[in-house]
C-alpha atoms as a PDB file:
ATOM      1  CA  MET A   1      33.646 -25.744  12.292  1.00  0.00           C
ATOM      2  CA  GLU A   2      33.052 -23.175  10.112  1.00  0.00           C
ATOM      3  CA  PHE A   3      29.677 -20.548  10.516  1.00  0.00           C
ATOM      4  CA  ASP A   4      28.915 -18.367   8.452  1.00  0.00           C
ATOM      5  CA  THR A   5      27.834 -14.886   9.070  1.00  0.00           C
ATOM      6  CA  LYS A   6      24.297 -15.744  10.823  1.00  0.00           C
ATOM      7  CA  GLN A   7      25.135 -18.211  13.351  1.00  0.00           C
ATOM      8  CA  LYS A   8      28.842 -15.440  14.184  1.00  0.00           C
ATOM      9  CA  VAL A   9      26.737 -12.918  15.573  1.00  0.00           C
ATOM     10  CA  LEU A  10      23.733 -15.105  16.396  1.00  0.00           C
ATOM     11  CA  LEU A  11      26.259 -17.054  18.630  1.00  0.00           C
ATOM     12  CA  ALA A  12      27.520 -13.430  19.660  1.00  0.00           C
ATOM     13  CA  ILE A  13      23.647 -12.926  20.897  1.00  0.00           C
ATOM     14  CA  TYR A  14      23.500 -15.746  22.053  1.00  0.00           C
ATOM     15  CA  LEU A  15      27.133 -15.339  24.974  1.00  0.00           C
ATOM     16  CA  GLU A  16      25.615 -11.912  25.355  1.00  0.00           C
ATOM     17  CA  TYR A  17      22.812 -13.771  25.987  1.00  0.00           C
ATOM     18  CA  GLN A  18      23.654 -15.582  29.331  1.00  0.00           C
ATOM     19  CA  LYS A  19      24.599 -13.006  31.176  1.00  0.00           C
ATOM     20  CA  ASP A  20      22.540 -12.021  34.489  1.00  0.00           C
ATOM     21  CA  ILE A  21      21.687  -8.337  32.679  1.00  0.00           C
ATOM     22  CA  PRO A  22      22.583  -8.981  28.665  1.00  0.00           C
ATOM     23  CA  ASP A  23      23.937  -5.730  27.184  1.00  0.00           C
ATOM     24  CA  MET A  24      22.898  -6.238  23.102  1.00  0.00           C
ATOM     25  CA  SER A  25      24.255  -3.034  22.239  1.00  0.00           C
ATOM     26  CA  SER A  26      28.142  -4.253  22.808  1.00  0.00           C
ATOM     27  CA  ILE A  27      27.462  -6.416  19.588  1.00  0.00           C
ATOM     28  CA  LYS A  28      28.388  -4.529  17.291  1.00  0.00           C
ATOM     29  CA  ALA A  29      29.595  -5.701  13.194  1.00  0.00           C
ATOM     30  CA  GLU A  30      33.404  -5.789  14.451  1.00  0.00           C
ATOM     31  CA  THR A  31      32.582  -7.912  17.401  1.00  0.00           C
ATOM     32  CA  VAL A  32      31.687 -10.787  15.406  1.00  0.00           C
ATOM     33  CA  GLY A  33      34.890  -9.253  12.204  1.00  0.00           C
ATOM     34  CA  VAL A  34      31.504  -8.447   9.546  1.00  0.00           C
ATOM     35  CA  ASP A  35      31.146  -5.585   7.431  1.00  0.00           C
ATOM     36  CA  ARG A  36      28.360  -3.120   9.071  1.00  0.00           C
ATOM     37  CA  LYS A  37      25.750  -3.857   5.887  1.00  0.00           C
ATOM     38  CA  VAL A  38      26.858  -7.986   6.291  1.00  0.00           C
ATOM     39  CA  PHE A  39      26.445  -7.438  10.206  1.00  0.00           C
ATOM     40  CA  ASP A  40      22.413  -5.202  10.025  1.00  0.00           C
ATOM     41  CA  ILE A  41      21.130  -8.083   7.138  1.00  0.00           C
ATOM     42  CA  ALA A  42      22.172 -11.375   9.059  1.00  0.00           C
ATOM     43  CA  LEU A  43      20.189  -9.770  11.741  1.00  0.00           C
ATOM     44  CA  ASP A  44      17.313  -9.012   9.545  1.00  0.00           C
ATOM     45  CA  LYS A  45      17.851 -13.054   8.828  1.00  0.00           C
ATOM     46  CA  LEU A  46      17.770 -14.209  12.202  1.00  0.00           C
ATOM     47  CA  ASP A  47      15.305 -13.135  12.908  1.00  0.00           C
ATOM     48  CA  ASN A  48      12.887 -13.653  10.032  1.00  0.00           C
ATOM     49  CA  GLU A  49      13.824 -16.807  11.310  1.00  0.00           C
ATOM     50  CA  GLN A  50      12.292 -16.085  14.470  1.00  0.00           C
ATOM     51  CA  LEU A  51      15.872 -17.783  16.553  1.00  0.00           C
ATOM     52  CA  VAL A  52      16.079 -14.124  17.515  1.00  0.00           C
ATOM     53  CA  LYS A  53      12.776 -10.988  18.658  1.00  0.00           C
ATOM     54  CA  GLY A  54      12.986  -6.700  19.835  1.00  0.00           C
ATOM     55  CA  ILE A  55      15.752  -6.276  16.609  1.00  0.00           C
ATOM     56  CA  LYS A  56      14.221  -3.364  15.219  1.00  0.00           C
ATOM     57  CA  PHE A  57      15.030  -2.048  11.845  1.00  0.00           C
ATOM     58  CA  SER A  58      15.111   0.941   9.637  1.00  0.00           C
ATOM     59  CA  ARG A  59      14.424   0.192   5.924  1.00  0.00           C
ATOM     60  CA  GLY A  60      14.583   2.281   3.029  1.00  0.00           C
ATOM     61  CA  SER A  61      11.061   2.630   0.318  1.00  0.00           C
ATOM     62  CA  GLN A  62      12.268  -0.945  -0.941  1.00  0.00           C
ATOM     63  CA  ASN A  63      11.782  -2.752   2.385  1.00  0.00           C
ATOM     64  CA  GLU A  64      15.751  -3.145   2.636  1.00  0.00           C
ATOM     65  CA  VAL A  65      18.005  -3.254   5.712  1.00  0.00           C
ATOM     66  CA  LEU A  66      19.226   0.588   6.366  1.00  0.00           C
ATOM     67  CA  MET A  67      20.515  -0.075   9.319  1.00  0.00           C
ATOM     68  CA  ALA A  68      19.247  -3.027  12.555  1.00  0.00           C
ATOM     69  CA  PHE A  69      19.114  -1.898  15.871  1.00  0.00           C
ATOM     70  CA  ILE A  70      19.850  -4.301  18.710  1.00  0.00           C
ATOM     71  CA  ASP A  71      19.826  -2.827  21.632  1.00  0.00           C
ATOM     72  CA  THR A  72      16.465  -4.837  22.502  1.00  0.00           C
ATOM     73  CA  ALA A  73      17.322  -8.123  21.097  1.00  0.00           C
ATOM     74  CA  LYS A  74      16.925 -11.254  23.124  1.00  0.00           C
ATOM     75  CA  MET A  75      16.954 -15.582  21.874  1.00  0.00           C
ATOM     76  CA  THR A  76      13.755 -17.052  21.789  1.00  0.00           C
ATOM     77  CA  THR A  77      13.641 -20.578  22.410  1.00  0.00           C
ATOM     78  CA  LYS A  78      14.676 -21.503  18.668  1.00  0.00           C
ATOM     79  CA  GLY A  79      17.044 -19.832  19.097  1.00  0.00           C
ATOM     80  CA  LEU A  80      18.718 -21.469  22.109  1.00  0.00           C
ATOM     81  CA  GLN A  81      18.451 -24.639  21.312  1.00  0.00           C
ATOM     82  CA  TYR A  82      19.513 -23.856  17.392  1.00  0.00           C
ATOM     83  CA  VAL A  83      22.910 -22.407  19.118  1.00  0.00           C
ATOM     84  CA  GLU A  84      23.476 -25.144  21.921  1.00  0.00           C
ATOM     85  CA  THR A  85      22.541 -28.533  19.828  1.00  0.00           C
ATOM     86  CA  LYS A  86      24.819 -27.299  16.397  1.00  0.00           C
ATOM     87  CA  LEU A  87      27.494 -26.608  19.447  1.00  0.00           C
ATOM     88  CA  ASP A  88      26.378 -29.707  21.176  1.00  0.00           C
ATOM     89  CA  ILE A  89      26.098 -27.818  24.493  1.00  0.00           C
ATOM     90  CA  GLN A  90      23.786 -29.529  27.390  1.00  0.00           C
ATOM     91  CA  PRO A  91      21.155 -27.082  28.740  1.00  0.00           C
ATOM     92  CA  GLU A  92      20.966 -27.554  31.737  1.00  0.00           C
ATOM     93  CA  LYS A  93      23.976 -25.906  31.790  1.00  0.00           C
ATOM     94  CA  THR A  94      24.428 -22.413  33.658  1.00  0.00           C
ATOM     95  CA  GLY A  95      25.490 -18.983  32.137  1.00  0.00           C
ATOM     96  CA  LEU A  96      28.809 -19.368  32.893  1.00  0.00           C
ATOM     97  CA  GLU A  97      29.615 -23.289  31.710  1.00  0.00           C
ATOM     98  CA  LYS A  98      27.964 -22.463  28.494  1.00  0.00           C
ATOM     99  CA  VAL A  99      30.019 -19.036  28.154  1.00  0.00           C
ATOM    100  CA  LYS A 100      32.978 -20.838  28.860  1.00  0.00           C
ATOM    101  CA  GLU A 101      32.646 -23.958  26.628  1.00  0.00           C
ATOM    102  CA  VAL A 102      32.484 -22.037  24.396  1.00  0.00           C
ATOM    103  CA  SER A 103      34.991 -19.844  24.970  1.00  0.00           C
ATOM    104  CA  GLN A 104      37.467 -23.267  24.714  1.00  0.00           C
ATOM    105  CA  LYS A 105      35.328 -24.840  21.402  1.00  0.00           C
ATOM    106  CA  ALA A 106      36.115 -21.511  19.762  1.00  0.00           C
ATOM    107  CA  ALA A 107      40.028 -21.267  19.967  1.00  0.00           C
ATOM    108  CA  THR A 108      39.946 -24.413  18.436  1.00  0.00           C
ATOM    109  CA  TRP A 109      37.869 -22.779  15.708  1.00  0.00           C
ATOM    110  CA  GLY A 110      40.405 -20.669  15.304  1.00  0.00           C
ATOM    111  CA  TRP A 111      37.320 -17.597  14.843  1.00  0.00           C
ATOM    112  CA  ASN A 112      39.526 -15.331  17.345  1.00  0.00           C
ATOM    113  CA  GLU A 113      36.679 -12.670  17.468  1.00  0.00           C
ATOM    114  CA  ALA A 114      34.360 -15.728  19.178  1.00  0.00           C
ATOM    115  CA  LYS A 115      37.093 -16.065  21.703  1.00  0.00           C
ATOM    116  CA  ASP A 116      37.409 -12.790  22.335  1.00  0.00           C
ATOM    117  CA  PHE A 117      33.985 -11.338  22.832  1.00  0.00           C
ATOM    118  CA  ALA A 118      33.440 -15.155  24.484  1.00  0.00           C
ATOM    119  CA  ALA A 119      36.118 -14.277  26.952  1.00  0.00           C
ATOM    120  CA  LYS A 120      35.009 -10.301  27.525  1.00  0.00           C
ATOM    121  CA  VAL A 121      31.333 -12.104  28.216  1.00  0.00           C
ATOM    122  CA  LEU A 122      32.961 -15.126  31.066  1.00  0.00           C
ATOM    123  CA  SER A 123      35.013 -12.411  32.444  1.00  0.00           C
ATOM    124  CA  GLU A 124      32.164 -10.091  33.097  1.00  0.00           C
ATOM    125  CA  LEU A 125      29.987 -12.937  34.123  1.00  0.00           C
ATOM    126  CA  ILE A 126      32.365 -13.760  37.026  1.00  0.00           C
ATOM    127  CA  GLN A 127      32.544 -10.204  37.724  1.00  0.00           C
ATOM    128  CA  SER A 128      28.715 -10.088  38.724  1.00  0.00           C
ATOM    129  CA  GLN A 129      28.780 -12.954  40.831  1.00  0.00           C
ATOM    130  CA  ALA A 130      31.757 -12.066  42.896  1.00  0.00           C
END
């Protein structure tokens, strides 16, 4: 399965969103394996398409994105539906089950950043439930 940068960023937000107390600031360009400028523009696109909300932007004189602040980002209903439809994830599953499924699928995609981030979120979810 192929993902563009915007979809990679959205998937990272989706995974973090599954935790009881998400820490969106843990999602960085390096987390997704892209350049910072590309990451910030992907966040602007996701915000514009209403797949996420709560992202703050610092903009230049031509309204170009200088920097994005993801700390207060949240998935929208539209964003959740998009990811779950694309990845064929049952919406009624628990957060833990969703992250496990993404982790397993990421291993078959060969996308190491997604696999690593999913494993980190999975570990944190398991610890929070202990």
